C-alpha atoms as a PDB file:
ATOM      1  CA  MET A   1       4.625  20.725  -1.703  1.00  0.00           C
ATOM      2  CA  PHE A   2       1.185  19.442  -0.808  1.00  0.00           C
ATOM      3  CA  GLU A   3      -1.027  21.990   0.863  1.00  0.00           C
ATOM      4  CA  PRO A   4      -3.761  20.237   2.961  1.00  0.00           C
ATOM      5  CA  SER A   5      -5.989  23.292   2.692  1.00  0.00           C
ATOM      6  CA  GLN A   6      -6.051  22.932  -1.077  1.00  0.00           C
ATOM      7  CA  GLY A   7      -6.848  19.212  -1.018  1.00  0.00           C
ATOM      8  CA  ILE A   8      -4.973  18.477  -4.249  1.00  0.00           C
ATOM      9  CA  PHE A   9      -1.531  17.383  -5.456  1.00  0.00           C
ATOM     10  CA  THR A  10       0.404  19.075  -8.191  1.00  0.00           C
ATOM     11  CA  VAL A  11       1.352  17.191 -11.333  1.00  0.00           C
ATOM     12  CA  ASP A  12       4.957  16.830 -10.102  1.00  0.00           C
ATOM     13  CA  GLU A  13       3.774  15.408  -6.772  1.00  0.00           C
ATOM     14  CA  LEU A  14       1.463  12.968  -8.496  1.00  0.00           C
ATOM     15  CA  ASN A  15       4.367  11.829 -10.684  1.00  0.00           C
ATOM     16  CA  VAL A  16       6.473  11.092  -7.567  1.00  0.00           C
ATOM     17  CA  ILE A  17       3.605   9.215  -6.005  1.00  0.00           C
ATOM     18  CA  ARG A  18       2.961   7.246  -9.194  1.00  0.00           C
ATOM     19  CA  ASP A  19       6.584   6.413  -9.727  1.00  0.00           C
ATOM     20  CA  ALA A  20       6.959   5.173  -6.134  1.00  0.00           C
ATOM     21  CA  HIS A  21       3.832   3.048  -6.476  1.00  0.00           C
ATOM     22  CA  VAL A  22       4.829   1.527  -9.790  1.00  0.00           C
ATOM     23  CA  GLU A  23       8.342   0.827  -8.591  1.00  0.00           C
ATOM     24  CA  TRP A  24       7.218  -0.881  -5.408  1.00  0.00           C
ATOM     25  CA  CYS A  25       4.480  -2.916  -7.123  1.00  0.00           C
ATOM     26  CA  ALA A  26       6.921  -4.079  -9.832  1.00  0.00           C
ATOM     27  CA  SER A  27       9.518  -5.102  -7.200  1.00  0.00           C
ATOM     28  CA  ARG A  28       6.902  -7.277  -5.510  1.00  0.00           C
ATOM     29  CA  SER A  29       5.109  -8.460  -8.706  1.00  0.00           C
ATOM     30  CA  ILE A  30       1.905  -6.864  -7.509  1.00  0.00           C
ATOM     31  CA  GLU A  31      -0.751  -5.523  -9.835  1.00  0.00           C
ATOM     32  CA  PRO A  32      -1.038  -1.824  -9.056  1.00  0.00           C
ATOM     33  CA  SER A  33      -4.833  -1.888  -9.392  1.00  0.00           C
ATOM     34  CA  SER A  34      -5.184  -4.934  -7.022  1.00  0.00           C
ATOM     35  CA  PRO A  35      -6.603  -4.456  -3.496  1.00  0.00           C
ATOM     36  CA  LEU A  36      -3.013  -4.526  -2.096  1.00  0.00           C
ATOM     37  CA  GLY A  37      -1.853  -2.106  -4.771  1.00  0.00           C
ATOM     38  CA  GLN A  38      -4.714   0.273  -3.935  1.00  0.00           C
ATOM     39  CA  GLU A  39      -3.981  -0.019  -0.217  1.00  0.00           C
ATOM     40  CA  THR A  40      -0.317   0.794  -0.923  1.00  0.00           C
ATOM     41  CA  VAL A  41      -1.029   3.860  -3.039  1.00  0.00           C
ATOM     42  CA  LYS A  42      -3.207   5.156  -0.232  1.00  0.00           C
ATOM     43  CA  LEU A  43      -0.296   4.624   2.144  1.00  0.00           C
ATOM     44  CA  ILE A  44       2.019   6.503  -0.260  1.00  0.00           C
ATOM     45  CA  MET A  45      -0.367   9.412  -0.555  1.00  0.00           C
ATOM     46  CA  GLU A  46      -0.750   9.687   3.216  1.00  0.00           C
ATOM     47  CA  ALA A  47       3.030   9.510   3.661  1.00  0.00           C
ATOM     48  CA  TYR A  48       3.457  12.218   1.056  1.00  0.00           C
ATOM     49  CA  GLN A  49       0.945  14.410   2.918  1.00  0.00           C
ATOM     50  CA  GLY A  50       2.922  13.701   6.072  1.00  0.00           C
ATOM     51  CA  GLY A  51       6.077  15.108   4.606  1.00  0.00           C
ATOM     52  CA  THR A  52       7.781  12.093   2.963  1.00  0.00           C
ATOM     53  CA  THR A  53       8.283  13.501  -0.529  1.00  0.00           C
ATOM     54  CA  GLU A  54      11.168  11.569  -2.005  1.00  0.00           C
ATOM     55  CA  ARG A  55      10.373   8.557  -4.234  1.00  0.00           C
ATOM     56  CA  GLU A  56      12.986   6.330  -2.524  1.00  0.00           C
ATOM     57  CA  ALA A  57      11.655   7.162   0.967  1.00  0.00           C
ATOM     58  CA  LEU A  58       8.099   6.400  -0.174  1.00  0.00           C
ATOM     59  CA  VAL A  59       9.216   3.046  -1.566  1.00  0.00           C
ATOM     60  CA  MET A  60      10.865   2.262   1.778  1.00  0.00           C
ATOM     61  CA  LYS A  61       7.613   3.107   3.594  1.00  0.00           C
ATOM     62  CA  CYS A  62       5.902   0.560   1.356  1.00  0.00           C
ATOM     63  CA  GLU A  63       8.561  -2.065   2.207  1.00  0.00           C
ATOM     64  CA  SER A  64       8.088  -1.373   5.906  1.00  0.00           C
ATOM     65  CA  PHE A  65       4.322  -1.719   5.535  1.00  0.00           C
ATOM     66  CA  ALA A  66       4.715  -5.053   3.605  1.00  0.00           C
ATOM     67  CA  THR A  67       7.116  -6.412   6.211  1.00  0.00           C
ATOM     68  CA  ARG A  68       4.671  -5.602   9.035  1.00  0.00           C
ATOM     69  CA  ARG A  69       1.865  -7.243   7.034  1.00  0.00           C
ATOM     70  CA  GLU A  70       3.908 -10.362   6.338  1.00  0.00           C
ATOM     71  CA  GLU A  71       4.719 -10.839  10.035  1.00  0.00           C
ATOM     72  CA  HIS A  72       1.125 -11.979  10.454  1.00  0.00           C
ATOM     73  CA  VAL A  73       1.335 -14.652   7.751  1.00  0.00           C
ATOM     74  CA  ARG A  74       2.975 -18.008   8.244  1.00  0.00           C
ATOM     75  CA  LEU A  75       3.602 -19.736   4.925  1.00  0.00           C
ATOM     76  CA  GLY A  76       2.846 -23.448   4.936  1.00  0.00           C
ATOM     77  CA  ALA A  77       0.433 -23.181   7.832  1.00  0.00           C
ATOM     78  CA  PRO A  78      -2.632 -25.413   7.609  1.00  0.00           C
ATOM     79  CA  ALA A  79      -5.840 -23.786   6.443  1.00  0.00           C
ATOM     80  CA  ILE A  80      -8.171 -22.435   9.043  1.00  0.00           C
ATOM     81  CA  ASP A  81     -11.351 -24.506   9.152  1.00  0.00           C
ATOM     82  CA  SER A  82     -14.553 -22.734   8.223  1.00  0.00           C
ATOM     83  CA  ILE A  83     -17.620 -23.274  10.346  1.00  0.00           C
ATOM     84  CA  GLU A  84     -20.697 -23.826   8.252  1.00  0.00           C
ATOM     85  CA  PRO A  85     -23.755 -22.082   9.685  1.00  0.00           C
ATOM     86  CA  GLU A  86     -26.405 -24.419  10.914  1.00  0.00           C
ATOM     87  CA  PRO A  87     -29.476 -24.539   8.673  1.00  0.00           C
ATOM     88  CA  GLY A  88     -32.126 -22.093   9.778  1.00  0.00           C
ATOM     89  CA  LYS A  89     -29.694 -19.740  11.508  1.00  0.00           C
END
């Protein structure tokens, strides 16, 4: 198990983290190295450090995160107008 005082993960722990990340990204058609993919792997690592060590539970944490994120997006909404800065400002 992860020991915070050591600051490192074992190979087995990294494999669980990687497998959860790859599985979740594939299920959502997200590139693992994309900004969202990177944000998600950070979430997985923090969850693992917090005691969630099973791949399935880590994937569910990702789903919960994605659901919360999607609540703030309304598909089909009109674009938000940009305000151009006035010249000289």
